[in-house]
All heavy atoms as atom14 arrays in JSON, in Angstrom:
{
  "sequence": "GIPWLMAGPGVPVGQTCDALVQNVDILPTICALCALPVPASVDAG",
  "atom14_mask": [
    [1, 1, 1, 1, 0, 0, 0, 0, 0, 0, 0, 0, 0, 0],
    [1, 1, 1, 1, 1, 1, 1, 1, 0, 0, 0, 0, 0, 0],
    [1, 1, 1, 1, 1, 1, 1, 0, 0, 0, 0, 0, 0, 0],
    [1, 1, 1, 1, 1, 1, 1, 1, 1, 1, 1, 1, 1, 1],
    [1, 1, 1, 1, 1, 1, 1, 1, 0, 0, 0, 0, 0, 0],
    [1, 1, 1, 1, 1, 1, 1, 1, 0, 0, 0, 0, 0, 0],
    [1, 1, 1, 1, 1, 0, 0, 0, 0, 0, 0, 0, 0, 0],
    [1, 1, 1, 1, 0, 0, 0, 0, 0, 0, 0, 0, 0, 0],
    [1, 1, 1, 1, 1, 1, 1, 0, 0, 0, 0, 0, 0, 0],
    [1, 1, 1, 1, 0, 0, 0, 0, 0, 0, 0, 0, 0, 0],
    [1, 1, 1, 1, 1, 1, 1, 0, 0, 0, 0, 0, 0, 0],
    [1, 1, 1, 1, 1, 1, 1, 0, 0, 0, 0, 0, 0, 0],
    [1, 1, 1, 1, 1, 1, 1, 0, 0, 0, 0, 0, 0, 0],
    [1, 1, 1, 1, 0, 0, 0, 0, 0, 0, 0, 0, 0, 0],
    [1, 1, 1, 1, 1, 1, 1, 1, 1, 0, 0, 0, 0, 0],
    [1, 1, 1, 1, 1, 1, 1, 0, 0, 0, 0, 0, 0, 0],
    [1, 1, 1, 1, 1, 1, 0, 0, 0, 0, 0, 0, 0, 0],
    [1, 1, 1, 1, 1, 1, 1, 1, 0, 0, 0, 0, 0, 0],
    [1, 1, 1, 1, 1, 0, 0, 0, 0, 0, 0, 0, 0, 0],
    [1, 1, 1, 1, 1, 1, 1, 1, 0, 0, 0, 0, 0, 0],
    [1, 1, 1, 1, 1, 1, 1, 0, 0, 0, 0, 0, 0, 0],
    [1, 1, 1, 1, 1, 1, 1, 1, 1, 0, 0, 0, 0, 0],
    [1, 1, 1, 1, 1, 1, 1, 1, 0, 0, 0, 0, 0, 0],
    [1, 1, 1, 1, 1, 1, 1, 0, 0, 0, 0, 0, 0, 0],
    [1, 1, 1, 1, 1, 1, 1, 1, 0, 0, 0, 0, 0, 0],
    [1, 1, 1, 1, 1, 1, 1, 1, 0, 0, 0, 0, 0, 0],
    [1, 1, 1, 1, 1, 1, 1, 1, 0, 0, 0, 0, 0, 0],
    [1, 1, 1, 1, 1, 1, 1, 0, 0, 0, 0, 0, 0, 0],
    [1, 1, 1, 1, 1, 1, 1, 0, 0, 0, 0, 0, 0, 0],
    [1, 1, 1, 1, 1, 1, 1, 1, 0, 0, 0, 0, 0, 0],
    [1, 1, 1, 1, 1, 1, 0, 0, 0, 0, 0, 0, 0, 0],
    [1, 1, 1, 1, 1, 0, 0, 0, 0, 0, 0, 0, 0, 0],
    [1, 1, 1, 1, 1, 1, 1, 1, 0, 0, 0, 0, 0, 0],
    [1, 1, 1, 1, 1, 1, 0, 0, 0, 0, 0, 0, 0, 0],
    [1, 1, 1, 1, 1, 0, 0, 0, 0, 0, 0, 0, 0, 0],
    [1, 1, 1, 1, 1, 1, 1, 1, 0, 0, 0, 0, 0, 0],
    [1, 1, 1, 1, 1, 1, 1, 0, 0, 0, 0, 0, 0, 0],
    [1, 1, 1, 1, 1, 1, 1, 0, 0, 0, 0, 0, 0, 0],
    [1, 1, 1, 1, 1, 1, 1, 0, 0, 0, 0, 0, 0, 0],
    [1, 1, 1, 1, 1, 0, 0, 0, 0, 0, 0, 0, 0, 0],
    [1, 1, 1, 1, 1, 1, 0, 0, 0, 0, 0, 0, 0, 0],
    [1, 1, 1, 1, 1, 1, 1, 0, 0, 0, 0, 0, 0, 0],
    [1, 1, 1, 1, 1, 1, 1, 1, 0, 0, 0, 0, 0, 0],
    [1, 1, 1, 1, 1, 0, 0, 0, 0, 0, 0, 0, 0, 0],
    [1, 1, 1, 1, 0, 0, 0, 0, 0, 0, 0, 0, 0, 0]
  ],
  "atom14_positions": [
    [[0.81, -1.21, 0.0], [0.0, 0.0, 0.0], [0.84, 1.26, 0.0], [0.92, 1.97, 0.99], [0.0, 0.0, 0.0], [0.0, 0.0, 0.0], [0.0, 0.0, 0.0], [0.0, 0.0, 0.0], [0.0, 0.0, 0.0], [0.0, 0.0, 0.0], [0.0, 0.0, 0.0], [0.0, 0.0, 0.0], [0.0, 0.0, 0.0], [0.0, 0.0, 0.0]],
    [[1.47, 1.55, -1.11], [2.38, 2.69, -1.21], [1.58, 3.95, -1.55], [0.82, 3.96, -2.52], [3.43, 2.44, -2.31], [4.2, 1.17, -2.01], [4.36, 3.63, -2.45], [5.01, 0.65, -3.17], [0.0, 0.0, 0.0], [0.0, 0.0, 0.0], [0.0, 0.0, 0.0], [0.0, 0.0, 0.0], [0.0, 0.0, 0.0], [0.0, 0.0, 0.0]],
    [[1.72, 5.02, -0.77], [1.01, 6.26, -1.1], [1.51, 6.84, -2.42], [2.69, 6.78, -2.73], [1.36, 7.21, 0.05], [1.95, 6.36, 1.11], [2.5, 5.14, 0.45], [0.0, 0.0, 0.0], [0.0, 0.0, 0.0], [0.0, 0.0, 0.0], [0.0, 0.0, 0.0], [0.0, 0.0, 0.0], [0.0, 0.0, 0.0], [0.0, 0.0, 0.0]],
    [[0.59, 7.38, -3.19], [0.93, 8.03, -4.44], [0.45, 9.46, -4.33], [-0.75, 9.72, -4.28], [0.27, 7.32, -5.6], [0.59, 7.87, -6.96], [1.48, 8.84, -7.27], [0.0, 7.45, -8.19], [1.49, 9.07, -8.62], [0.59, 8.22, -9.21], [-0.94, 6.52, -8.53], [0.26, 8.09, -10.54], [-1.27, 6.38, -9.86], [-0.68, 7.15, -10.86]],
    [[1.36, 10.4, -4.27], [1.04, 11.81, -4.13], [1.31, 12.52, -5.45], [2.37, 12.34, -6.05], [1.89, 12.45, -3.02], [1.83, 11.76, -1.65], [2.83, 12.39, -0.71], [0.44, 11.8, -1.09], [0.0, 0.0, 0.0], [0.0, 0.0, 0.0], [0.0, 0.0, 0.0], [0.0, 0.0, 0.0], [0.0, 0.0, 0.0], [0.0, 0.0, 0.0]],
    [[0.35, 13.34, -5.87], [0.51, 14.08, -7.12], [0.09, 15.52, -6.89], [-0.81, 15.79, -6.1], [-0.38, 13.49, -8.23], [-0.02, 12.1, -8.65], [-0.9, 11.56, -10.14], [-2.59, 11.77, -9.71], [0.0, 0.0, 0.0], [0.0, 0.0, 0.0], [0.0, 0.0, 0.0], [0.0, 0.0, 0.0], [0.0, 0.0, 0.0], [0.0, 0.0, 0.0]],
    [[0.72, 16.42, -7.61], [0.34, 17.83, -7.6], [0.69, 18.42, -8.95], [1.63, 17.97, -9.61], [1.09, 18.57, -6.49], [0.0, 0.0, 0.0], [0.0, 0.0, 0.0], [0.0, 0.0, 0.0], [0.0, 0.0, 0.0], [0.0, 0.0, 0.0], [0.0, 0.0, 0.0], [0.0, 0.0, 0.0], [0.0, 0.0, 0.0], [0.0, 0.0, 0.0]],
    [[-0.11, 19.39, -9.37], [0.18, 20.06, -10.62], [-1.08, 20.36, -11.38], [-2.19, 20.05, -10.94], [0.0, 0.0, 0.0], [0.0, 0.0, 0.0], [0.0, 0.0, 0.0], [0.0, 0.0, 0.0], [0.0, 0.0, 0.0], [0.0, 0.0, 0.0], [0.0, 0.0, 0.0], [0.0, 0.0, 0.0], [0.0, 0.0, 0.0], [0.0, 0.0, 0.0]],
    [[-0.92, 20.97, -12.55], [-2.08, 21.3, -13.38], [-2.88, 20.04, -13.73], [-2.32, 19.01, -14.11], [-1.47, 21.91, -14.64], [-0.1, 22.34, -14.24], [0.33, 21.39, -13.17], [0.0, 0.0, 0.0], [0.0, 0.0, 0.0], [0.0, 0.0, 0.0], [0.0, 0.0, 0.0], [0.0, 0.0, 0.0], [0.0, 0.0, 0.0], [0.0, 0.0, 0.0]],
    [[-4.19, 20.13, -13.56], [-5.05, 19.0, -13.88], [-5.25, 18.02, -12.74], [-6.02, 17.08, -12.85], [0.0, 0.0, 0.0], [0.0, 0.0, 0.0], [0.0, 0.0, 0.0], [0.0, 0.0, 0.0], [0.0, 0.0, 0.0], [0.0, 0.0, 0.0], [0.0, 0.0, 0.0], [0.0, 0.0, 0.0], [0.0, 0.0, 0.0], [0.0, 0.0, 0.0]],
    [[-4.54, 18.24, -11.61], [-4.67, 17.36, -10.45], [-5.5, 18.09, -9.4], [-5.1, 19.17, -8.95], [-3.29, 16.97, -9.87], [-3.46, 16.1, -8.63], [-2.45, 16.27, -10.91], [0.0, 0.0, 0.0], [0.0, 0.0, 0.0], [0.0, 0.0, 0.0], [0.0, 0.0, 0.0], [0.0, 0.0, 0.0], [0.0, 0.0, 0.0], [0.0, 0.0, 0.0]],
    [[-6.66, 17.56, -9.02], [-7.49, 18.22, -8.0], [-6.71, 18.42, -6.69], [-6.03, 17.51, -6.22], [-8.66, 17.26, -7.81], [-8.69, 16.42, -9.04], [-7.27, 16.32, -9.51], [0.0, 0.0, 0.0], [0.0, 0.0, 0.0], [0.0, 0.0, 0.0], [0.0, 0.0, 0.0], [0.0, 0.0, 0.0], [0.0, 0.0, 0.0], [0.0, 0.0, 0.0]],
    [[-6.83, 19.59, -6.11], [-6.12, 19.93, -4.87], [-6.84, 19.33, -3.67], [-8.06, 19.43, -3.55], [-6.02, 21.46, -4.72], [-5.38, 21.84, -3.39], [-5.23, 22.06, -5.88], [0.0, 0.0, 0.0], [0.0, 0.0, 0.0], [0.0, 0.0, 0.0], [0.0, 0.0, 0.0], [0.0, 0.0, 0.0], [0.0, 0.0, 0.0], [0.0, 0.0, 0.0]],
    [[-6.07, 18.7, -2.78], [-6.61, 18.2, -1.53], [-7.52, 16.99, -1.63], [-8.16, 16.62, -0.66], [0.0, 0.0, 0.0], [0.0, 0.0, 0.0], [0.0, 0.0, 0.0], [0.0, 0.0, 0.0], [0.0, 0.0, 0.0], [0.0, 0.0, 0.0], [0.0, 0.0, 0.0], [0.0, 0.0, 0.0], [0.0, 0.0, 0.0], [0.0, 0.0, 0.0]],
    [[-7.57, 16.37, -2.76], [-8.46, 15.22, -2.96], [-7.71, 13.92, -2.72], [-6.53, 13.8, -3.06], [-9.01, 15.23, -4.38], [-9.99, 14.11, -4.65], [-10.62, 14.23, -6.02], [-10.72, 15.32, -6.56], [-11.03, 13.12, -6.58], [0.0, 0.0, 0.0], [0.0, 0.0, 0.0], [0.0, 0.0, 0.0], [0.0, 0.0, 0.0], [0.0, 0.0, 0.0]],
    [[-8.39, 12.96, -2.16], [-7.83, 11.62, -2.02], [-8.65, 10.67, -2.89], [-9.8, 10.94, -3.21], [-7.85, 11.13, -0.57], [-9.2, 11.08, -0.11], [-7.02, 12.04, 0.32], [0.0, 0.0, 0.0], [0.0, 0.0, 0.0], [0.0, 0.0, 0.0], [0.0, 0.0, 0.0], [0.0, 0.0, 0.0], [0.0, 0.0, 0.0], [0.0, 0.0, 0.0]],
    [[-8.02, 9.57, -3.24], [-8.65, 8.59, -4.11], [-8.24, 7.22, -3.59], [-7.06, 6.98, -3.35], [-8.16, 8.8, -5.54], [-8.72, 7.58, -6.72], [0.0, 0.0, 0.0], [0.0, 0.0, 0.0], [0.0, 0.0, 0.0], [0.0, 0.0, 0.0], [0.0, 0.0, 0.0], [0.0, 0.0, 0.0], [0.0, 0.0, 0.0], [0.0, 0.0, 0.0]],
    [[-9.19, 6.34, -3.41], [-8.85, 5.01, -2.91], [-8.93, 3.94, -4.0], [-9.08, 2.76, -3.72], [-9.72, 4.64, -1.72], [-11.2, 4.59, -2.05], [-11.58, 4.89, -3.2], [-11.99, 4.24, -1.16], [0.0, 0.0, 0.0], [0.0, 0.0, 0.0], [0.0, 0.0, 0.0], [0.0, 0.0, 0.0], [0.0, 0.0, 0.0], [0.0, 0.0, 0.0]],
    [[-8.77, 4.36, -5.25], [-8.79, 3.4, -6.36], [-7.63, 2.42, -6.24], [-6.56, 2.76, -5.72], [-8.69, 4.16, -7.7], [0.0, 0.0, 0.0], [0.0, 0.0, 0.0], [0.0, 0.0, 0.0], [0.0, 0.0, 0.0], [0.0, 0.0, 0.0], [0.0, 0.0, 0.0], [0.0, 0.0, 0.0], [0.0, 0.0, 0.0], [0.0, 0.0, 0.0]],
    [[-7.85, 1.22, -6.71], [-6.78, 0.23, -6.76], [-5.9, 0.55, -7.96], [-6.34, 0.43, -9.11], [-7.36, -1.18, -6.89], [-8.17, -1.68, -5.7], [-8.78, -3.05, -6.02], [-7.31, -1.76, -4.45], [0.0, 0.0, 0.0], [0.0, 0.0, 0.0], [0.0, 0.0, 0.0], [0.0, 0.0, 0.0], [0.0, 0.0, 0.0], [0.0, 0.0, 0.0]],
    [[-4.68, 0.97, -7.71], [-3.74, 1.33, -8.77], [-2.46, 0.54, -8.59], [-2.18, 0.01, -7.52], [-3.45, 2.85, -8.81], [-4.7, 3.64, -9.09], [-2.81, 3.31, -7.53], [0.0, 0.0, 0.0], [0.0, 0.0, 0.0], [0.0, 0.0, 0.0], [0.0, 0.0, 0.0], [0.0, 0.0, 0.0], [0.0, 0.0, 0.0], [0.0, 0.0, 0.0]],
    [[-1.7, 0.48, -9.67], [-0.4, -0.19, -9.64], [0.64, 0.73, -10.24], [0.32, 1.73, -10.89], [-0.48, -1.51, -10.43], [-1.41, -2.51, -9.8], [-1.42, -3.82, -10.55], [-1.99, -3.92, -11.62], [-0.78, -4.82, -9.97], [0.0, 0.0, 0.0], [0.0, 0.0, 0.0], [0.0, 0.0, 0.0], [0.0, 0.0, 0.0], [0.0, 0.0, 0.0]],
    [[1.9, 0.39, -10.03], [2.99, 1.2, -10.57], [2.87, 1.41, -12.07], [3.25, 2.47, -12.57], [4.34, 0.57, -10.24], [4.66, 0.62, -8.77], [4.01, 1.31, -8.0], [5.66, -0.14, -8.35], [0.0, 0.0, 0.0], [0.0, 0.0, 0.0], [0.0, 0.0, 0.0], [0.0, 0.0, 0.0], [0.0, 0.0, 0.0], [0.0, 0.0, 0.0]],
    [[2.33, 0.44, -12.78], [2.21, 0.56, -14.24], [1.23, 1.66, -14.64], [1.17, 2.05, -15.8], [1.81, -0.77, -14.9], [2.89, -1.81, -14.73], [0.48, -1.27, -14.38], [0.0, 0.0, 0.0], [0.0, 0.0, 0.0], [0.0, 0.0, 0.0], [0.0, 0.0, 0.0], [0.0, 0.0, 0.0], [0.0, 0.0, 0.0], [0.0, 0.0, 0.0]],
    [[0.45, 2.19, -13.68], [-0.5, 3.26, -13.97], [0.15, 4.65, -13.91], [-0.46, 5.64, -14.32], [-1.66, 3.22, -12.97], [-2.46, 1.93, -13.08], [-2.58, 1.39, -14.2], [-2.97, 1.47, -12.04], [0.0, 0.0, 0.0], [0.0, 0.0, 0.0], [0.0, 0.0, 0.0], [0.0, 0.0, 0.0], [0.0, 0.0, 0.0], [0.0, 0.0, 0.0]],
    [[1.37, 4.74, -13.42], [2.02, 6.05, -13.26], [2.27, 6.7, -14.62], [1.88, 7.86, -14.84], [3.32, 5.93, -12.45], [3.01, 5.49, -11.01], [4.09, 7.25, -12.47], [4.23, 5.15, -10.17], [0.0, 0.0, 0.0], [0.0, 0.0, 0.0], [0.0, 0.0, 0.0], [0.0, 0.0, 0.0], [0.0, 0.0, 0.0], [0.0, 0.0, 0.0]],
    [[2.92, 6.01, -15.55], [3.24, 6.62, -16.84], [1.98, 7.01, -17.61], [1.9, 8.14, -18.11], [4.14, 5.71, -17.68], [4.53, 6.28, -19.04], [5.3, 7.61, -18.89], [5.35, 5.28, -19.82], [0.0, 0.0, 0.0], [0.0, 0.0, 0.0], [0.0, 0.0, 0.0], [0.0, 0.0, 0.0], [0.0, 0.0, 0.0], [0.0, 0.0, 0.0]],
    [[0.97, 6.16, -17.73], [-0.24, 6.59, -18.44], [-0.91, 7.81, -17.78], [-1.48, 8.66, -18.48], [-1.15, 5.37, -18.39], [-0.21, 4.21, -18.29], [0.92, 4.72, -17.43], [0.0, 0.0, 0.0], [0.0, 0.0, 0.0], [0.0, 0.0, 0.0], [0.0, 0.0, 0.0], [0.0, 0.0, 0.0], [0.0, 0.0, 0.0], [0.0, 0.0, 0.0]],
    [[-0.82, 7.92, -16.46], [-1.4, 9.07, -15.78], [-0.62, 10.33, -16.11], [-1.21, 11.38, -16.41], [-1.43, 8.83, -14.25], [-2.19, 7.65, -13.98], [-2.03, 10.02, -13.52], [0.0, 0.0, 0.0], [0.0, 0.0, 0.0], [0.0, 0.0, 0.0], [0.0, 0.0, 0.0], [0.0, 0.0, 0.0], [0.0, 0.0, 0.0], [0.0, 0.0, 0.0]],
    [[0.69, 10.25, -16.09], [1.53, 11.41, -16.44], [1.29, 11.81, -17.89], [1.17, 13.0, -18.21], [3.01, 11.12, -16.16], [3.24, 11.01, -14.65], [3.91, 12.2, -16.77], [4.61, 10.5, -14.26], [0.0, 0.0, 0.0], [0.0, 0.0, 0.0], [0.0, 0.0, 0.0], [0.0, 0.0, 0.0], [0.0, 0.0, 0.0], [0.0, 0.0, 0.0]],
    [[1.19, 10.83, -18.79], [0.9, 11.13, -20.19], [-0.44, 11.86, -20.33], [-0.56, 12.83, -21.07], [0.9, 9.85, -21.03], [2.53, 9.14, -21.28], [0.0, 0.0, 0.0], [0.0, 0.0, 0.0], [0.0, 0.0, 0.0], [0.0, 0.0, 0.0], [0.0, 0.0, 0.0], [0.0, 0.0, 0.0], [0.0, 0.0, 0.0], [0.0, 0.0, 0.0]],
    [[-1.45, 11.4, -19.6], [-2.76, 12.05, -19.66], [-2.68, 13.49, -19.14], [-3.28, 14.4, -19.73], [-3.78, 11.25, -18.85], [0.0, 0.0, 0.0], [0.0, 0.0, 0.0], [0.0, 0.0, 0.0], [0.0, 0.0, 0.0], [0.0, 0.0, 0.0], [0.0, 0.0, 0.0], [0.0, 0.0, 0.0], [0.0, 0.0, 0.0], [0.0, 0.0, 0.0]],
    [[-1.94, 13.71, -18.07], [-1.79, 15.06, -17.53], [-1.09, 15.99, -18.52], [-1.36, 17.18, -18.56], [-1.01, 15.02, -16.21], [-1.78, 14.53, -15.0], [-0.83, 14.25, -13.84], [-2.84, 15.54, -14.59], [0.0, 0.0, 0.0], [0.0, 0.0, 0.0], [0.0, 0.0, 0.0], [0.0, 0.0, 0.0], [0.0, 0.0, 0.0], [0.0, 0.0, 0.0]],
    [[-0.19, 15.44, -19.32], [0.58, 16.24, -20.28], [-0.04, 16.22, -21.67], [0.56, 16.76, -22.62], [2.01, 15.71, -20.36], [2.92, 15.85, -18.81], [0.0, 0.0, 0.0], [0.0, 0.0, 0.0], [0.0, 0.0, 0.0], [0.0, 0.0, 0.0], [0.0, 0.0, 0.0], [0.0, 0.0, 0.0], [0.0, 0.0, 0.0], [0.0, 0.0, 0.0]],
    [[-1.2, 15.59, -21.81], [-1.88, 15.47, -23.1], [-0.98, 14.81, -24.15], [-0.92, 15.23, -25.3], [-2.39, 16.82, -23.58], [0.0, 0.0, 0.0], [0.0, 0.0, 0.0], [0.0, 0.0, 0.0], [0.0, 0.0, 0.0], [0.0, 0.0, 0.0], [0.0, 0.0, 0.0], [0.0, 0.0, 0.0], [0.0, 0.0, 0.0], [0.0, 0.0, 0.0]],
    [[-0.25, 13.79, -23.71], [0.63, 13.03, -24.6], [0.06, 11.62, -24.79], [-0.56, 11.07, -23.87], [2.04, 12.92, -24.01], [2.8, 14.22, -23.85], [4.08, 13.97, -23.04], [3.12, 14.8, -25.21], [0.0, 0.0, 0.0], [0.0, 0.0, 0.0], [0.0, 0.0, 0.0], [0.0, 0.0, 0.0], [0.0, 0.0, 0.0], [0.0, 0.0, 0.0]],
    [[0.32, 11.0, -25.93], [-0.11, 9.62, -26.11], [0.72, 8.68, -25.25], [1.9, 8.93, -25.0], [0.11, 9.35, -27.6], [1.16, 10.34, -28.01], [0.98, 11.54, -27.12], [0.0, 0.0, 0.0], [0.0, 0.0, 0.0], [0.0, 0.0, 0.0], [0.0, 0.0, 0.0], [0.0, 0.0, 0.0], [0.0, 0.0, 0.0], [0.0, 0.0, 0.0]],
    [[0.09, 7.63, -24.8], [0.82, 6.6, -24.04], [1.64, 5.8, -25.05], [1.13, 5.39, -26.09], [-0.16, 5.68, -23.29], [0.58, 4.58, -22.57], [-1.01, 6.49, -22.31], [0.0, 0.0, 0.0], [0.0, 0.0, 0.0], [0.0, 0.0, 0.0], [0.0, 0.0, 0.0], [0.0, 0.0, 0.0], [0.0, 0.0, 0.0], [0.0, 0.0, 0.0]],
    [[2.93, 5.58, -24.8], [3.75, 4.81, -25.74], [3.13, 3.43, -26.01], [2.55, 2.81, -25.11], [5.09, 4.68, -25.02], [5.13, 5.82, -24.06], [3.71, 6.04, -23.64], [0.0, 0.0, 0.0], [0.0, 0.0, 0.0], [0.0, 0.0, 0.0], [0.0, 0.0, 0.0], [0.0, 0.0, 0.0], [0.0, 0.0, 0.0], [0.0, 0.0, 0.0]],
    [[3.27, 2.97, -27.23], [2.7, 1.68, -27.62], [3.26, 0.53, -26.8], [2.61, -0.5, -26.63], [2.96, 1.44, -29.11], [0.0, 0.0, 0.0], [0.0, 0.0, 0.0], [0.0, 0.0, 0.0], [0.0, 0.0, 0.0], [0.0, 0.0, 0.0], [0.0, 0.0, 0.0], [0.0, 0.0, 0.0], [0.0, 0.0, 0.0], [0.0, 0.0, 0.0]],
    [[4.46, 0.7, -26.27], [5.08, -0.37, -25.48], [4.44, -0.54, -24.11], [4.68, -1.51, -23.41], [6.58, -0.1, -25.31], [6.77, 1.13, -24.63], [0.0, 0.0, 0.0], [0.0, 0.0, 0.0], [0.0, 0.0, 0.0], [0.0, 0.0, 0.0], [0.0, 0.0, 0.0], [0.0, 0.0, 0.0], [0.0, 0.0, 0.0], [0.0, 0.0, 0.0]],
    [[3.61, 0.42, -23.7], [2.92, 0.35, -22.41], [1.58, -0.32, -22.63], [0.67, 0.25, -23.22], [2.73, 1.75, -21.79], [1.94, 1.68, -20.5], [4.08, 2.41, -21.58], [0.0, 0.0, 0.0], [0.0, 0.0, 0.0], [0.0, 0.0, 0.0], [0.0, 0.0, 0.0], [0.0, 0.0, 0.0], [0.0, 0.0, 0.0], [0.0, 0.0, 0.0]],
    [[1.46, -1.57, -22.17], [0.23, -2.3, -22.44], [-0.59, -2.64, -21.2], [-1.71, -3.09, -21.29], [0.52, -3.58, -23.22], [1.42, -4.54, -22.46], [1.89, -4.19, -21.37], [1.66, -5.64, -22.97], [0.0, 0.0, 0.0], [0.0, 0.0, 0.0], [0.0, 0.0, 0.0], [0.0, 0.0, 0.0], [0.0, 0.0, 0.0], [0.0, 0.0, 0.0]],
    [[-0.04, -2.39, -20.02], [-0.74, -2.84, -18.82], [-1.31, -1.69, -17.99], [-2.24, -1.88, -17.24], [0.2, -3.67, -17.94], [0.0, 0.0, 0.0], [0.0, 0.0, 0.0], [0.0, 0.0, 0.0], [0.0, 0.0, 0.0], [0.0, 0.0, 0.0], [0.0, 0.0, 0.0], [0.0, 0.0, 0.0], [0.0, 0.0, 0.0], [0.0, 0.0, 0.0]],
    [[-0.76, -0.51, -18.09], [-1.19, 0.59, -17.24], [-2.33, 1.38, -17.84], [-2.6, 1.32, -19.03], [0.0, 0.0, 0.0], [0.0, 0.0, 0.0], [0.0, 0.0, 0.0], [0.0, 0.0, 0.0], [0.0, 0.0, 0.0], [0.0, 0.0, 0.0], [0.0, 0.0, 0.0], [0.0, 0.0, 0.0], [0.0, 0.0, 0.0], [0.0, 0.0, 0.0]]
  ]
}
């Protein structure tokens, strides 16, 4: 149960989320925040 803390444009301030996430979700989340496509090599996140 590793905490995942995020801040920046597009990230709601002071909000918590109890969704089940994994490390493989970090890159797709960052890509979404930056409006970038997820690399084709990323198939699990």
